[in-house]
Amino acid sequence: MSSIKIYQDSYKKAMKTTVRLERVFYLLNNINENYFSKSGITFNQFKILEALYHLGDLNVGTITKLTSSTPGNTTVVVKNLKRDGFISSKKDPNDNRASILTISEKGSKIIEDLFPTHAQNLHDFMQSLDNSEIDNLYYLLDKLYNQNKKEQK
């Protein structure tokens, strides 16, 4: 005999909204992946290059946090970016176990080439929302993120 559970409306709304968030995330991620793959880099490579371009030299741990990646994935992406001449690394003078990453001229060039269209793609993705709705969406997502981030610690 199967058991059917009846959930409160608030549970149903939370589940439906979570599924919708996941679908929007995957749709946007696919748009990004497709755009960057045409340029010969991955979205993860772009995120690291973009962070170095806009923030300057960073250690691997900081980049891992900024790109919401894992240490293992960041290590592989950094290795490939170094291999391809997009970045260089040097020992962190404050921590012999860590490296400081620097974007190269080649890395800066690809960001300068790709970033304007990437920004346009994001703008186009949000086109169905007006400025007030975008502000509200940002506020609500930030609220969810910050509350749940506190609970993860």
C-alpha atoms as a PDB file:
ATOM      1  CA  MET A   1       0.000   0.000   0.000  1.00  0.00           C
ATOM      2  CA  SER A   2       1.521   3.325  -1.010  1.00  0.00           C
ATOM      3  CA  SER A   3       1.625   6.218   1.334  1.00  0.00           C
ATOM      4  CA  ILE A   4       0.610   9.633   0.003  1.00  0.00           C
ATOM      5  CA  LYS A   5       1.889  12.553   1.990  1.00  0.00           C
ATOM      6  CA  ILE A   6       0.044  15.825   1.905  1.00  0.00           C
ATOM      7  CA  TYR A   7       2.367  18.763   2.308  1.00  0.00           C
ATOM      8  CA  GLN A   8       1.432  22.191   3.504  1.00  0.00           C
ATOM      9  CA  ASP A   9       1.133  24.869   0.852  1.00  0.00           C
ATOM     10  CA  SER A  10       4.302  26.533   2.133  1.00  0.00           C
ATOM     11  CA  TYR A  11       6.236  23.275   1.546  1.00  0.00           C
ATOM     12  CA  LYS A  12       4.822  22.973  -1.972  1.00  0.00           C
ATOM     13  CA  LYS A  13       5.761  26.575  -2.754  1.00  0.00           C
ATOM     14  CA  ALA A  14       9.271  26.059  -1.430  1.00  0.00           C
ATOM     15  CA  MET A  15       9.740  22.924  -3.529  1.00  0.00           C
ATOM     16  CA  LYS A  16       8.288  24.466  -6.708  1.00  0.00           C
ATOM     17  CA  THR A  17      10.405  27.589  -6.264  1.00  0.00           C
ATOM     18  CA  THR A  18      13.558  25.548  -5.674  1.00  0.00           C
ATOM     19  CA  VAL A  19      12.939  23.538  -8.834  1.00  0.00           C
ATOM     20  CA  ARG A  20      12.399  26.779 -10.774  1.00  0.00           C
ATOM     21  CA  LEU A  21      15.640  28.251  -9.373  1.00  0.00           C
ATOM     22  CA  GLU A  22      17.519  25.130 -10.454  1.00  0.00           C
ATOM     23  CA  ARG A  23      16.052  25.292 -13.955  1.00  0.00           C
ATOM     24  CA  VAL A  24      16.937  28.973 -14.329  1.00  0.00           C
ATOM     25  CA  PHE A  25      20.459  28.300 -13.032  1.00  0.00           C
ATOM     26  CA  TYR A  26      21.027  25.446 -15.497  1.00  0.00           C
ATOM     27  CA  LEU A  27      19.593  27.443 -18.387  1.00  0.00           C
ATOM     28  CA  LEU A  28      21.867  30.399 -17.644  1.00  0.00           C
ATOM     29  CA  ASN A  29      24.830  28.114 -17.069  1.00  0.00           C
ATOM     30  CA  ASN A  30      24.263  26.460 -20.471  1.00  0.00           C
ATOM     31  CA  ILE A  31      24.109  29.863 -22.155  1.00  0.00           C
ATOM     32  CA  ASN A  32      27.424  30.780 -20.518  1.00  0.00           C
ATOM     33  CA  GLU A  33      29.076  27.446 -21.293  1.00  0.00           C
ATOM     34  CA  ASN A  34      28.050  27.633 -24.950  1.00  0.00           C
ATOM     35  CA  TYR A  35      29.279  31.192 -25.328  1.00  0.00           C
ATOM     36  CA  PHE A  36      32.709  30.547 -23.810  1.00  0.00           C
ATOM     37  CA  SER A  37      33.254  27.198 -25.520  1.00  0.00           C
ATOM     38  CA  LYS A  38      33.069  28.993 -28.881  1.00  0.00           C
ATOM     39  CA  SER A  39      36.080  31.017 -27.742  1.00  0.00           C
ATOM     40  CA  GLY A  40      38.100  27.998 -26.701  1.00  0.00           C
ATOM     41  CA  ILE A  41      37.832  28.419 -22.940  1.00  0.00           C
ATOM     42  CA  THR A  42      35.497  27.011 -20.326  1.00  0.00           C
ATOM     43  CA  PHE A  43      33.159  29.038 -18.157  1.00  0.00           C
ATOM     44  CA  ASN A  44      35.284  28.082 -15.127  1.00  0.00           C
ATOM     45  CA  GLN A  45      38.396  29.392 -16.860  1.00  0.00           C
ATOM     46  CA  PHE A  46      36.570  32.616 -17.655  1.00  0.00           C
ATOM     47  CA  LYS A  47      35.505  33.064 -14.008  1.00  0.00           C
ATOM     48  CA  ILE A  48      39.105  32.804 -12.816  1.00  0.00           C
ATOM     49  CA  LEU A  49      40.420  35.116 -15.534  1.00  0.00           C
ATOM     50  CA  GLU A  50      37.658  37.623 -14.851  1.00  0.00           C
ATOM     51  CA  ALA A  51      38.424  37.654 -11.116  1.00  0.00           C
ATOM     52  CA  LEU A  52      42.136  38.229 -11.756  1.00  0.00           C
ATOM     53  CA  TYR A  53      41.417  40.877 -14.385  1.00  0.00           C
ATOM     54  CA  HIS A  54      39.066  42.909 -12.204  1.00  0.00           C
ATOM     55  CA  LEU A  55      40.543  42.268  -8.739  1.00  0.00           C
ATOM     56  CA  GLY A  56      44.255  41.831  -9.442  1.00  0.00           C
ATOM     57  CA  ASP A  57      46.584  39.121  -8.172  1.00  0.00           C
ATOM     58  CA  LEU A  58      44.901  36.558  -5.911  1.00  0.00           C
ATOM     59  CA  ASN A  59      45.788  33.339  -4.160  1.00  0.00           C
ATOM     60  CA  VAL A  60      44.156  30.072  -5.154  1.00  0.00           C
ATOM     61  CA  GLY A  61      42.050  29.860  -1.992  1.00  0.00           C
ATOM     62  CA  THR A  62      40.497  33.256  -2.631  1.00  0.00           C
ATOM     63  CA  ILE A  63      39.781  32.353  -6.247  1.00  0.00           C
ATOM     64  CA  THR A  64      38.127  29.103  -5.143  1.00  0.00           C
ATOM     65  CA  LYS A  65      35.754  31.059  -2.889  1.00  0.00           C
ATOM     66  CA  LEU A  66      35.064  33.798  -5.449  1.00  0.00           C
ATOM     67  CA  THR A  67      34.207  31.315  -8.190  1.00  0.00           C
ATOM     68  CA  SER A  68      32.152  29.038  -5.897  1.00  0.00           C
ATOM     69  CA  SER A  69      34.316  26.134  -6.970  1.00  0.00           C
ATOM     70  CA  THR A  70      36.045  23.265  -5.213  1.00  0.00           C
ATOM     71  CA  PRO A  71      39.781  23.230  -4.452  1.00  0.00           C
ATOM     72  CA  GLY A  72      40.295  20.227  -6.743  1.00  0.00           C
ATOM     73  CA  ASN A  73      38.485  21.817  -9.675  1.00  0.00           C
ATOM     74  CA  THR A  74      40.279  25.137  -9.184  1.00  0.00           C
ATOM     75  CA  THR A  75      43.630  23.348  -9.231  1.00  0.00           C
ATOM     76  CA  VAL A  76      42.847  21.712 -12.591  1.00  0.00           C
ATOM     77  CA  VAL A  77      41.510  24.928 -14.127  1.00  0.00           C
ATOM     78  CA  VAL A  78      44.532  26.921 -12.901  1.00  0.00           C
ATOM     79  CA  LYS A  79      46.897  24.276 -14.291  1.00  0.00           C
ATOM     80  CA  ASN A  80      45.227  24.536 -17.709  1.00  0.00           C
ATOM     81  CA  LEU A  81      45.237  28.345 -17.666  1.00  0.00           C
ATOM     82  CA  LYS A  82      48.970  28.323 -16.850  1.00  0.00           C
ATOM     83  CA  ARG A  83      49.637  25.740 -19.576  1.00  0.00           C
ATOM     84  CA  ASP A  84      47.851  27.936 -22.124  1.00  0.00           C
ATOM     85  CA  GLY A  85      49.659  31.123 -21.049  1.00  0.00           C
ATOM     86  CA  PHE A  86      46.607  32.938 -19.657  1.00  0.00           C
ATOM     87  CA  ILE A  87      48.044  33.248 -16.135  1.00  0.00           C
ATOM     88  CA  SER A  88      51.267  32.832 -14.218  1.00  0.00           C
ATOM     89  CA  SER A  89      51.915  31.955 -10.598  1.00  0.00           C
ATOM     90  CA  LYS A  90      54.499  32.628  -7.963  1.00  0.00           C
ATOM     91  CA  LYS A  91      54.920  31.497  -4.384  1.00  0.00           C
ATOM     92  CA  ASP A  92      52.994  33.501  -1.844  1.00  0.00           C
ATOM     93  CA  PRO A  93      55.632  35.260   0.292  1.00  0.00           C
ATOM     94  CA  ASN A  94      53.335  34.948   3.316  1.00  0.00           C
ATOM     95  CA  ASP A  95      52.577  31.239   2.870  1.00  0.00           C
ATOM     96  CA  ASN A  96      54.975  28.795   1.190  1.00  0.00           C
ATOM     97  CA  ARG A  97      52.111  26.358   0.581  1.00  0.00           C
ATOM     98  CA  ALA A  98      50.122  28.865  -1.477  1.00  0.00           C
ATOM     99  CA  SER A  99      50.547  30.503  -4.860  1.00  0.00           C
ATOM    100  CA  ILE A 100      49.642  33.965  -6.063  1.00  0.00           C
ATOM    101  CA  LEU A 101      48.091  34.027  -9.533  1.00  0.00           C
ATOM    102  CA  THR A 102      48.565  36.845 -12.038  1.00  0.00           C
ATOM    103  CA  ILE A 103      46.709  37.311 -15.307  1.00  0.00           C
ATOM    104  CA  SER A 104      48.974  37.525 -18.361  1.00  0.00           C
ATOM    105  CA  GLU A 105      48.640  39.882 -21.313  1.00  0.00           C
ATOM    106  CA  LYS A 106      47.070  36.994 -23.250  1.00  0.00           C
ATOM    107  CA  GLY A 107      44.575  36.438 -20.416  1.00  0.00           C
ATOM    108  CA  SER A 108      43.729  40.142 -20.242  1.00  0.00           C
ATOM    109  CA  LYS A 109      43.172  40.220 -23.987  1.00  0.00           C
ATOM    110  CA  ILE A 110      40.676  37.350 -23.930  1.00  0.00           C
ATOM    111  CA  ILE A 111      38.730  38.973 -21.066  1.00  0.00           C
ATOM    112  CA  GLU A 112      38.645  42.280 -22.937  1.00  0.00           C
ATOM    113  CA  ASP A 113      37.372  40.443 -26.013  1.00  0.00           C
ATOM    114  CA  LEU A 114      34.767  38.275 -24.244  1.00  0.00           C
ATOM    115  CA  PHE A 115      33.493  40.373 -21.343  1.00  0.00           C
ATOM    116  CA  PRO A 116      31.375  42.909 -23.294  1.00  0.00           C
ATOM    117  CA  THR A 117      29.366  40.179 -25.058  1.00  0.00           C
ATOM    118  CA  HIS A 118      29.094  38.200 -21.819  1.00  0.00           C
ATOM    119  CA  ALA A 119      27.651  41.282 -20.100  1.00  0.00           C
ATOM    120  CA  GLN A 120      25.241  41.720 -23.020  1.00  0.00           C
ATOM    121  CA  ASN A 121      24.198  38.056 -22.767  1.00  0.00           C
ATOM    122  CA  LEU A 122      23.399  38.494 -19.070  1.00  0.00           C
ATOM    123  CA  HIS A 123      21.478  41.681 -19.795  1.00  0.00           C
ATOM    124  CA  ASP A 124      19.496  39.901 -22.516  1.00  0.00           C
ATOM    125  CA  PHE A 125      18.779  36.992 -20.172  1.00  0.00           C
ATOM    126  CA  MET A 126      17.189  39.413 -17.683  1.00  0.00           C
ATOM    127  CA  GLN A 127      15.374  41.378 -20.381  1.00  0.00           C
ATOM    128  CA  SER A 128      11.899  40.238 -19.336  1.00  0.00           C
ATOM    129  CA  LEU A 129      12.354  41.974 -15.965  1.00  0.00           C
ATOM    130  CA  ASP A 130      12.290  45.724 -15.411  1.00  0.00           C
ATOM    131  CA  ASN A 131      14.863  47.437 -13.175  1.00  0.00           C
ATOM    132  CA  SER A 132      12.629  47.289 -10.119  1.00  0.00           C
ATOM    133  CA  GLU A 133      12.039  43.563 -10.583  1.00  0.00           C
ATOM    134  CA  ILE A 134      15.761  42.939 -11.003  1.00  0.00           C
ATOM    135  CA  ASP A 135      16.425  44.882  -7.799  1.00  0.00           C
ATOM    136  CA  ASN A 136      13.762  42.838  -5.972  1.00  0.00           C
ATOM    137  CA  LEU A 137      15.095  39.560  -7.346  1.00  0.00           C
ATOM    138  CA  TYR A 138      18.626  40.459  -6.277  1.00  0.00           C
ATOM    139  CA  TYR A 139      17.433  41.468  -2.810  1.00  0.00           C
ATOM    140  CA  LEU A 140      15.476  38.232  -2.347  1.00  0.00           C
ATOM    141  CA  LEU A 141      18.271  35.970  -3.626  1.00  0.00           C
ATOM    142  CA  ASP A 142      20.789  37.829  -1.459  1.00  0.00           C
ATOM    143  CA  LYS A 143      18.526  37.381   1.545  1.00  0.00           C
ATOM    144  CA  LEU A 144      18.235  33.631   0.911  1.00  0.00           C
ATOM    145  CA  TYR A 145      21.964  33.299   0.314  1.00  0.00           C
ATOM    146  CA  ASN A 146      23.032  35.189   3.423  1.00  0.00           C
ATOM    147  CA  GLN A 147      20.569  33.451   5.740  1.00  0.00           C
ATOM    148  CA  ASN A 148      21.493  29.964   4.570  1.00  0.00           C
ATOM    149  CA  LYS A 149      25.205  30.734   4.403  1.00  0.00           C
ATOM    150  CA  LYS A 150      25.092  31.592   8.134  1.00  0.00           C
ATOM    151  CA  GLU A 151      23.384  28.274   8.849  1.00  0.00           C
ATOM    152  CA  GLN A 152      26.059  26.320   6.922  1.00  0.00           C
ATOM    153  CA  LYS A 153      28.844  27.449   9.256  1.00  0.00           C
END
